[in-house]
């Protein structure tokens, strides 16, 4: 079975696996060790991410119709995988939408529309994309409440492919009850097991062909979150998860 590489996924899953040990103090530190071995067939999210998403989803209204925050360049020679994001935004984004290109050049960037918030965010720090796994194993898996709040405020979230033919944004979207929009149905996971979980999502080609504004389906969002909680959170999350931002402090980080 082919599993697309994803250092951030590996770290998230490892942290989720050791949730109980980390909380009762029997695991030294809060980061996983580089030689830790575990089954990562399904990406698992740790408690602090899931409970923060629950808290934000409960406190924020879905006032944003579409959102995308991420790098539009510098993706291991795979920038073309996100070309559709700019085209989609120009065609479908409204004054209620949020677009942020976290890789933009501050001195030369020109906004694409009134929904383009890139200039307001260029000064924010980014969660490092190419962090040294052995030097700082938890760097790429840090909980980012500002990023999660963007998703929790949105009805629909663009989840384009990145360095590989999928993006972890798909799962971050369902975790925050935003409906993911992807370019291809194969982009909803790293492997057949993740792609068969049964999440509701939309294809960008279908949305682009719609003449009427897209309507948010809360039932889809709730169903997605139920699947996520059962299969992609720490063991026992469906029974013990509760809304909380306690484990997800605001570090001023932005996701790339």
Protein backbone atom coordinates (compact mmCIF):
# COMPACT_ATOMS: atom_id res chain seq x y z
CA UNK A 1 0.00 0.00 0.00
CA UNK A 2 1.33 3.44 -0.95
CA UNK A 3 1.13 6.13 1.74
CA UNK A 4 2.04 9.64 0.66
CA UNK A 5 4.87 11.06 2.83
CA UNK A 6 3.77 13.62 5.39
CA UNK A 7 6.09 14.47 8.30
CA UNK A 8 3.40 16.61 9.93
CA UNK A 9 0.95 13.68 9.76
CA UNK A 10 3.49 11.35 11.36
CA UNK A 11 4.06 13.75 14.24
CA UNK A 12 0.36 14.43 14.78
CA UNK A 13 -0.41 10.71 14.82
CA UNK A 14 2.42 9.99 17.22
CA UNK A 15 1.22 12.70 19.61
CA UNK A 16 -2.32 11.32 19.40
CA UNK A 17 -1.07 7.81 20.08
CA UNK A 18 0.69 8.92 23.24
CA UNK A 19 -2.11 11.18 24.48
CA UNK A 20 -2.79 9.20 27.66
CA UNK A 21 0.91 8.85 28.46
CA UNK A 22 1.53 12.54 27.93
CA UNK A 23 -1.36 13.48 30.21
CA UNK A 24 -0.50 11.26 33.13
CA UNK A 25 3.17 12.26 33.00
CA UNK A 26 4.62 8.85 32.19
CA UNK A 27 5.95 10.01 28.80
CA UNK A 28 8.93 12.30 29.15
CA UNK A 29 8.39 15.58 27.36
CA UNK A 30 5.58 16.28 24.90
CA UNK A 31 7.25 15.27 21.64
CA UNK A 32 7.58 11.88 20.04
CA UNK A 33 10.97 10.30 19.57
CA UNK A 34 12.43 9.90 16.10
CA UNK A 35 12.67 6.13 16.51
CA UNK A 36 9.07 5.71 17.72
CA UNK A 37 7.28 3.10 15.61
CA UNK A 38 3.50 2.97 15.19
CA UNK A 39 0.80 2.28 12.62
CA UNK A 40 -0.05 5.51 10.78
CA UNK A 41 -2.41 4.03 8.21
CA UNK A 42 -4.92 6.66 9.32
CA UNK A 43 -3.76 10.13 10.33
CA UNK A 44 -4.69 10.75 13.96
CA UNK A 45 -4.99 14.21 15.49
CA UNK A 46 -4.01 14.84 19.14
CA UNK A 47 -6.40 16.03 21.80
CA UNK A 48 -5.31 19.69 21.78
CA UNK A 49 -6.08 20.11 18.07
CA UNK A 50 -9.46 18.38 18.19
CA UNK A 51 -10.71 20.05 21.35
CA UNK A 52 -9.58 23.47 20.08
CA UNK A 53 -11.48 22.85 16.84
CA UNK A 54 -14.54 21.87 18.87
CA UNK A 55 -14.32 25.02 21.00
CA UNK A 56 -13.88 27.31 18.00
CA UNK A 57 -16.66 25.63 16.02
CA UNK A 58 -19.01 26.14 18.98
CA UNK A 59 -18.12 29.80 19.50
CA UNK A 60 -17.78 31.09 15.94
CA UNK A 61 -20.52 31.60 13.37
CA UNK A 62 -20.03 30.39 9.80
CA UNK A 63 -19.77 33.95 8.46
CA UNK A 64 -17.15 33.13 5.78
CA UNK A 65 -18.39 31.39 2.65
CA UNK A 66 -15.03 30.24 1.17
CA UNK A 67 -11.57 30.19 2.69
CA UNK A 68 -8.04 29.32 1.68
CA UNK A 69 -4.88 30.07 3.63
CA UNK A 70 -1.65 28.55 2.40
CA UNK A 71 1.35 28.79 0.13
CA UNK A 72 0.73 29.33 -3.57
CA UNK A 73 4.38 28.75 -4.47
CA UNK A 74 7.46 26.93 -3.23
CA UNK A 75 5.80 23.51 -3.19
CA UNK A 76 8.64 21.25 -4.34
CA UNK A 77 8.15 22.13 -8.01
CA UNK A 78 4.46 21.27 -7.71
CA UNK A 79 2.98 24.77 -7.72
CA UNK A 80 0.67 23.82 -10.61
CA UNK A 81 -1.34 21.65 -8.22
CA UNK A 82 -2.75 24.83 -6.72
CA UNK A 83 -3.29 26.80 -9.93
CA UNK A 84 -7.01 26.08 -9.69
CA UNK A 85 -7.21 27.82 -6.30
CA UNK A 86 -6.50 31.24 -7.80
CA UNK A 87 -8.89 30.61 -10.70
CA UNK A 88 -11.60 29.39 -8.35
CA UNK A 89 -11.15 32.38 -6.05
CA UNK A 90 -11.42 34.85 -8.92
CA UNK A 91 -14.63 33.19 -10.08
CA UNK A 92 -16.36 32.34 -6.81
CA UNK A 93 -14.96 34.28 -3.84
CA UNK A 94 -17.07 37.13 -2.48
CA UNK A 95 -16.74 39.89 0.09
CA UNK A 96 -17.48 37.17 2.67
CA UNK A 97 -14.50 35.05 1.57
CA UNK A 98 -10.94 34.88 2.92
CA UNK A 99 -7.87 34.21 0.76
CA UNK A 100 -4.30 34.32 2.10
CA UNK A 101 -1.17 33.43 0.16
CA UNK A 102 1.33 32.72 2.92
CA UNK A 103 4.24 32.56 0.44
CA UNK A 104 3.60 35.96 -1.13
CA UNK A 105 6.36 38.56 -1.54
CA UNK A 106 5.37 41.59 0.53
CA UNK A 107 7.14 44.08 -1.74
CA UNK A 108 5.47 42.99 -4.97
CA UNK A 109 2.18 41.33 -4.04
CA UNK A 110 -1.02 42.67 -5.57
CA UNK A 111 -4.35 41.72 -4.06
CA UNK A 112 -6.65 39.61 -6.21
CA UNK A 113 -9.83 41.14 -4.81
CA UNK A 114 -11.43 42.56 -1.68
CA UNK A 115 -11.50 39.02 -0.31
CA UNK A 116 -7.70 38.77 -0.50
CA UNK A 117 -6.35 39.26 3.04
CA UNK A 118 -2.76 38.41 2.16
CA UNK A 119 -1.36 41.87 2.86
CA UNK A 120 -2.82 41.81 6.38
CA UNK A 121 -1.18 38.48 7.15
CA UNK A 122 2.27 38.83 5.57
CA UNK A 123 3.83 39.94 8.83
CA UNK A 124 2.72 36.83 10.70
CA UNK A 125 5.12 33.99 11.38
CA UNK A 126 4.65 30.70 9.57
CA UNK A 127 4.62 27.20 10.93
CA UNK A 128 7.87 25.99 9.26
CA UNK A 129 7.33 23.68 6.28
CA UNK A 130 10.86 22.30 6.05
CA UNK A 131 11.67 21.95 9.72
CA UNK A 132 14.40 19.48 10.72
CA UNK A 133 12.46 16.51 12.07
CA UNK A 134 15.33 15.38 14.30
CA UNK A 135 15.97 18.83 15.72
CA UNK A 136 12.35 19.69 16.53
CA UNK A 137 9.90 16.86 15.99
CA UNK A 138 6.85 18.76 17.17
CA UNK A 139 7.41 21.97 15.19
CA UNK A 140 5.17 21.10 12.26
CA UNK A 141 2.46 19.66 14.50
CA UNK A 142 2.01 22.73 16.69
CA UNK A 143 -1.61 23.64 17.36
CA UNK A 144 -2.45 26.96 15.66
CA UNK A 145 -5.71 28.48 16.98
CA UNK A 146 -5.70 31.37 14.50
CA UNK A 147 -5.55 28.97 11.56
CA UNK A 148 -8.22 26.73 13.08
CA UNK A 149 -10.40 29.79 13.70
CA UNK A 150 -10.20 30.68 10.00
CA UNK A 151 -11.49 27.22 9.14
CA UNK A 152 -14.10 27.14 11.90
CA UNK A 153 -15.55 30.43 10.61
CA UNK A 154 -15.87 29.06 7.07
CA UNK A 155 -18.63 27.12 5.38
CA UNK A 156 -16.35 25.75 2.65
CA UNK A 157 -12.57 25.31 2.65
CA UNK A 158 -10.39 24.81 -0.41
CA UNK A 159 -8.12 21.79 0.13
CA UNK A 160 -5.76 21.67 -2.85
CA UNK A 161 -2.91 19.22 -3.24
CA UNK A 162 0.45 20.40 -1.95
CA UNK A 163 3.88 18.80 -2.09
CA UNK A 164 2.02 15.53 -2.81
CA UNK A 165 -1.31 14.67 -4.43
CA UNK A 166 -3.38 15.53 -1.37
CA UNK A 167 -3.37 17.95 1.56
CA UNK A 168 -3.83 17.61 5.30
CA UNK A 169 -6.17 20.62 4.98
CA UNK A 170 -8.86 18.16 3.97
CA UNK A 171 -8.90 16.65 7.45
CA UNK A 172 -8.38 19.99 9.19
CA UNK A 173 -11.47 21.21 7.33
CA UNK A 174 -13.71 18.36 8.47
CA UNK A 175 -12.32 18.74 12.01
CA UNK A 176 -13.59 22.35 12.04
CA UNK A 177 -16.89 21.50 10.28
CA UNK A 178 -15.99 23.24 7.01
CA UNK A 179 -16.96 21.34 3.86
CA UNK A 180 -13.78 20.58 1.86
CA UNK A 181 -13.52 21.42 -1.83
CA UNK A 182 -10.93 19.42 -3.79
CA UNK A 183 -9.74 19.22 -7.36
CA UNK A 184 -10.07 15.44 -7.62
CA UNK A 185 -11.77 12.72 -5.57
CA UNK A 186 -8.40 10.99 -5.11
CA UNK A 187 -7.13 13.99 -3.15
CA UNK A 188 -9.10 13.19 0.02
CA UNK A 189 -6.43 11.05 1.69
CA UNK A 190 -3.00 9.46 1.42
CA UNK A 191 -4.17 5.89 0.89
CA UNK A 192 -7.25 3.75 0.12
CA UNK A 193 -8.18 3.50 3.81
CA UNK A 194 -8.38 7.26 4.30
CA UNK A 195 -10.16 7.76 1.00
CA UNK A 196 -12.79 5.16 2.01
CA UNK A 197 -13.80 6.76 5.33
CA UNK A 198 -16.90 8.23 3.75
CA UNK A 199 -16.41 11.97 4.17
CA UNK A 200 -18.69 14.36 2.33
CA UNK A 201 -16.79 16.77 0.07
CA UNK A 202 -17.26 18.77 -3.13
CA UNK A 203 -15.36 18.77 -6.40
CA UNK A 204 -14.30 22.20 -7.53
CA UNK A 205 -15.51 21.47 -11.08
CA UNK A 206 -19.02 20.86 -9.75
CA UNK A 207 -18.99 24.06 -7.69
CA UNK A 208 -17.66 26.10 -10.62
CA UNK A 209 -20.53 24.88 -12.80
CA UNK A 210 -23.19 26.01 -10.32
CA UNK A 211 -25.07 29.15 -11.25
CA UNK A 212 -26.61 29.63 -7.81
CA UNK A 213 -24.63 30.34 -4.64
CA UNK A 214 -23.48 27.20 -2.87
CA UNK A 215 -25.51 26.34 0.24
CA UNK A 216 -23.83 25.07 3.38
CA UNK A 217 -25.09 21.73 4.67
CA UNK A 218 -24.72 21.46 8.44
CA UNK A 219 -25.77 17.80 8.31
CA UNK A 220 -22.77 17.04 6.07
CA UNK A 221 -20.48 18.90 8.45
CA UNK A 222 -21.75 17.04 11.51
CA UNK A 223 -21.55 13.69 9.76
CA UNK A 224 -17.98 14.43 8.70
CA UNK A 225 -17.01 15.36 12.26
CA UNK A 226 -18.53 12.15 13.62
CA UNK A 227 -16.44 10.11 11.18
CA UNK A 228 -13.37 12.16 12.05
CA UNK A 229 -13.83 11.68 15.79
CA UNK A 230 -14.19 7.91 15.42
CA UNK A 231 -11.32 7.32 13.03
CA UNK A 232 -8.87 10.25 13.11
CA UNK A 233 -8.61 11.43 16.70
CA UNK A 234 -6.86 9.79 19.65
CA UNK A 235 -8.24 6.51 20.97
CA UNK A 236 -11.41 7.10 22.95
CA UNK A 237 -11.95 10.63 21.60
CA UNK A 238 -15.60 9.99 20.76
CA UNK A 239 -16.24 9.45 24.50
CA UNK A 240 -13.84 11.91 26.11
CA UNK A 241 -13.43 14.89 23.76
CA UNK A 242 -14.72 18.22 25.03
CA UNK A 243 -14.34 21.78 23.69
CA UNK A 244 -11.22 23.44 25.08
CA UNK A 245 -8.52 25.88 23.99
CA UNK A 246 -6.36 25.11 27.02
CA UNK A 247 -3.92 22.95 25.05
CA UNK A 248 -3.76 25.25 22.03
CA UNK A 249 -2.22 28.60 23.05
CA UNK A 250 -2.01 31.41 20.52
CA UNK A 251 1.61 31.53 19.35
CA UNK A 252 0.96 33.90 16.48
CA UNK A 253 1.86 31.16 13.99
CA UNK A 254 0.48 30.88 10.49
CA UNK A 255 0.20 27.70 8.44
CA UNK A 256 2.06 27.29 5.15
